[in-house]
């Protein structure tokens, strides 16, 4: 049953990431090559932000020479491994987020995307 699932049950564990010191152009290329809409930004393993393809598009071509740290979103909504899927669904619905990082002691341990959430719903048989 879907209500008993938690973040750890549906999160993507092998997450593509970028660094705050990487160029926006490199992050954009990584998103395109990995076919993802956004990248968590980590400094060591600490989550410090997220950058999305939409952020890059809205910032325009001149942003490609900036560092990721200059363009990333910093005030993130995050969850831990034990967060129930219904709470995650509510956050995504209320805030319009397409991805939510899963953290443990500030370290990125996974990512929940709309696709991983839909896959979990489909697999639950409901």
Protein backbone atom coordinates (compact mmCIF):
# COMPACT_ATOMS: atom_id res chain seq x y z
CA UNK A 1 0.00 0.00 0.00
CA UNK A 2 1.34 3.43 -0.99
CA UNK A 3 0.75 5.04 2.43
CA UNK A 4 3.35 2.78 4.02
CA UNK A 5 6.12 3.74 1.61
CA UNK A 6 8.83 6.15 2.71
CA UNK A 7 11.44 8.25 0.93
CA UNK A 8 14.04 5.48 1.15
CA UNK A 9 11.69 3.13 -0.73
CA UNK A 10 11.32 5.34 -3.79
CA UNK A 11 14.38 7.60 -3.92
CA UNK A 12 16.96 7.50 -6.66
CA UNK A 13 20.20 6.53 -4.95
CA UNK A 14 22.67 7.11 -7.76
CA UNK A 15 22.13 10.83 -8.20
CA UNK A 16 23.89 12.97 -10.78
CA UNK A 17 25.31 16.01 -8.99
CA UNK A 18 27.34 19.13 -9.64
CA UNK A 19 29.60 21.35 -7.54
CA UNK A 20 29.07 25.02 -6.67
CA UNK A 21 32.40 25.74 -8.38
CA UNK A 22 31.44 24.10 -11.70
CA UNK A 23 30.48 26.38 -14.56
CA UNK A 24 26.78 26.64 -15.35
CA UNK A 25 27.65 25.56 -18.91
CA UNK A 26 29.10 22.29 -17.58
CA UNK A 27 26.04 21.68 -15.39
CA UNK A 28 23.74 22.33 -18.34
CA UNK A 29 25.69 19.86 -20.49
CA UNK A 30 25.57 17.25 -17.71
CA UNK A 31 21.79 17.65 -17.40
CA UNK A 32 21.41 17.18 -21.15
CA UNK A 33 23.74 14.15 -21.31
CA UNK A 34 22.14 12.48 -18.27
CA UNK A 35 18.61 13.38 -19.41
CA UNK A 36 17.72 15.03 -16.10
CA UNK A 37 15.99 18.33 -15.41
CA UNK A 38 18.06 19.32 -12.42
CA UNK A 39 21.17 18.57 -10.41
CA UNK A 40 21.66 18.72 -6.66
CA UNK A 41 24.68 20.86 -5.85
CA UNK A 42 27.05 19.28 -3.35
CA UNK A 43 30.21 20.51 -1.69
CA UNK A 44 31.95 17.31 -0.62
CA UNK A 45 28.78 15.32 0.22
CA UNK A 46 26.96 18.25 1.82
CA UNK A 47 23.90 19.43 -0.09
CA UNK A 48 24.22 23.18 -0.66
CA UNK A 49 21.64 23.80 -3.39
CA UNK A 50 20.01 22.66 -6.60
CA UNK A 51 20.22 23.92 -10.16
CA UNK A 52 17.62 23.14 -12.78
CA UNK A 53 17.50 23.35 -16.53
CA UNK A 54 14.73 25.91 -16.09
CA UNK A 55 17.04 28.08 -13.91
CA UNK A 56 19.61 28.10 -16.71
CA UNK A 57 17.03 28.90 -19.39
CA UNK A 58 15.52 31.76 -17.40
CA UNK A 59 18.94 33.23 -16.62
CA UNK A 60 19.82 33.39 -20.33
CA UNK A 61 22.93 32.63 -22.33
CA UNK A 62 25.18 34.97 -20.36
CA UNK A 63 24.69 32.74 -17.29
CA UNK A 64 26.71 29.91 -18.88
CA UNK A 65 29.96 31.55 -17.75
CA UNK A 66 28.82 31.85 -14.14
CA UNK A 67 29.55 29.33 -11.43
CA UNK A 68 26.73 27.01 -10.38
CA UNK A 69 26.89 28.52 -6.88
CA UNK A 70 25.89 31.89 -8.32
CA UNK A 71 22.70 30.56 -9.93
CA UNK A 72 21.55 27.63 -7.77
CA UNK A 73 18.56 27.70 -5.46
CA UNK A 74 19.69 27.56 -1.84
CA UNK A 75 16.54 27.46 0.29
CA UNK A 76 15.56 23.88 -0.38
CA UNK A 77 12.78 21.69 0.87
CA UNK A 78 14.43 18.41 1.87
CA UNK A 79 13.25 15.18 3.47
CA UNK A 80 14.92 12.34 5.30
CA UNK A 81 14.76 8.62 4.50
CA UNK A 82 11.85 8.03 6.87
CA UNK A 83 9.56 10.73 5.45
CA UNK A 84 6.28 9.09 4.38
CA UNK A 85 5.46 9.22 0.68
CA UNK A 86 2.18 11.03 1.41
CA UNK A 87 4.12 13.92 3.01
CA UNK A 88 6.42 14.07 -0.03
CA UNK A 89 3.43 14.06 -2.38
CA UNK A 90 1.85 16.93 -0.44
CA UNK A 91 5.07 19.01 -0.59
CA UNK A 92 5.33 18.47 -4.35
CA UNK A 93 1.66 19.30 -4.92
CA UNK A 94 1.60 22.38 -2.66
CA UNK A 95 4.92 23.89 -3.73
CA UNK A 96 5.08 22.69 -7.32
CA UNK A 97 8.47 21.02 -6.85
CA UNK A 98 9.58 18.41 -9.37
CA UNK A 99 12.40 17.03 -7.25
CA UNK A 100 13.15 16.81 -3.53
CA UNK A 101 16.56 15.86 -2.13
CA UNK A 102 16.80 13.21 0.57
CA UNK A 103 19.42 14.09 3.17
CA UNK A 104 20.99 12.51 6.22
CA UNK A 105 23.08 14.78 8.48
CA UNK A 106 23.16 17.34 5.67
CA UNK A 107 24.59 14.80 3.22
CA UNK A 108 22.73 13.98 0.02
CA UNK A 109 21.67 10.32 0.07
CA UNK A 110 19.01 10.31 -2.64
CA UNK A 111 16.59 12.27 -4.78
CA UNK A 112 12.87 11.92 -5.24
CA UNK A 113 11.55 13.07 -8.60
CA UNK A 114 8.06 13.21 -10.00
CA UNK A 115 9.00 10.21 -12.14
CA UNK A 116 10.18 8.12 -9.18
CA UNK A 117 6.99 9.02 -7.33
CA UNK A 118 4.79 8.04 -10.29
CA UNK A 119 6.75 4.79 -10.68
CA UNK A 120 6.14 3.97 -6.99
CA UNK A 121 2.42 4.63 -7.40
CA UNK A 122 2.27 2.47 -10.52
CA UNK A 123 4.18 -0.35 -8.80
CA UNK A 124 1.94 -0.22 -5.74
CA UNK A 125 -1.00 -1.42 -7.81
CA UNK A 126 -3.30 1.40 -6.69
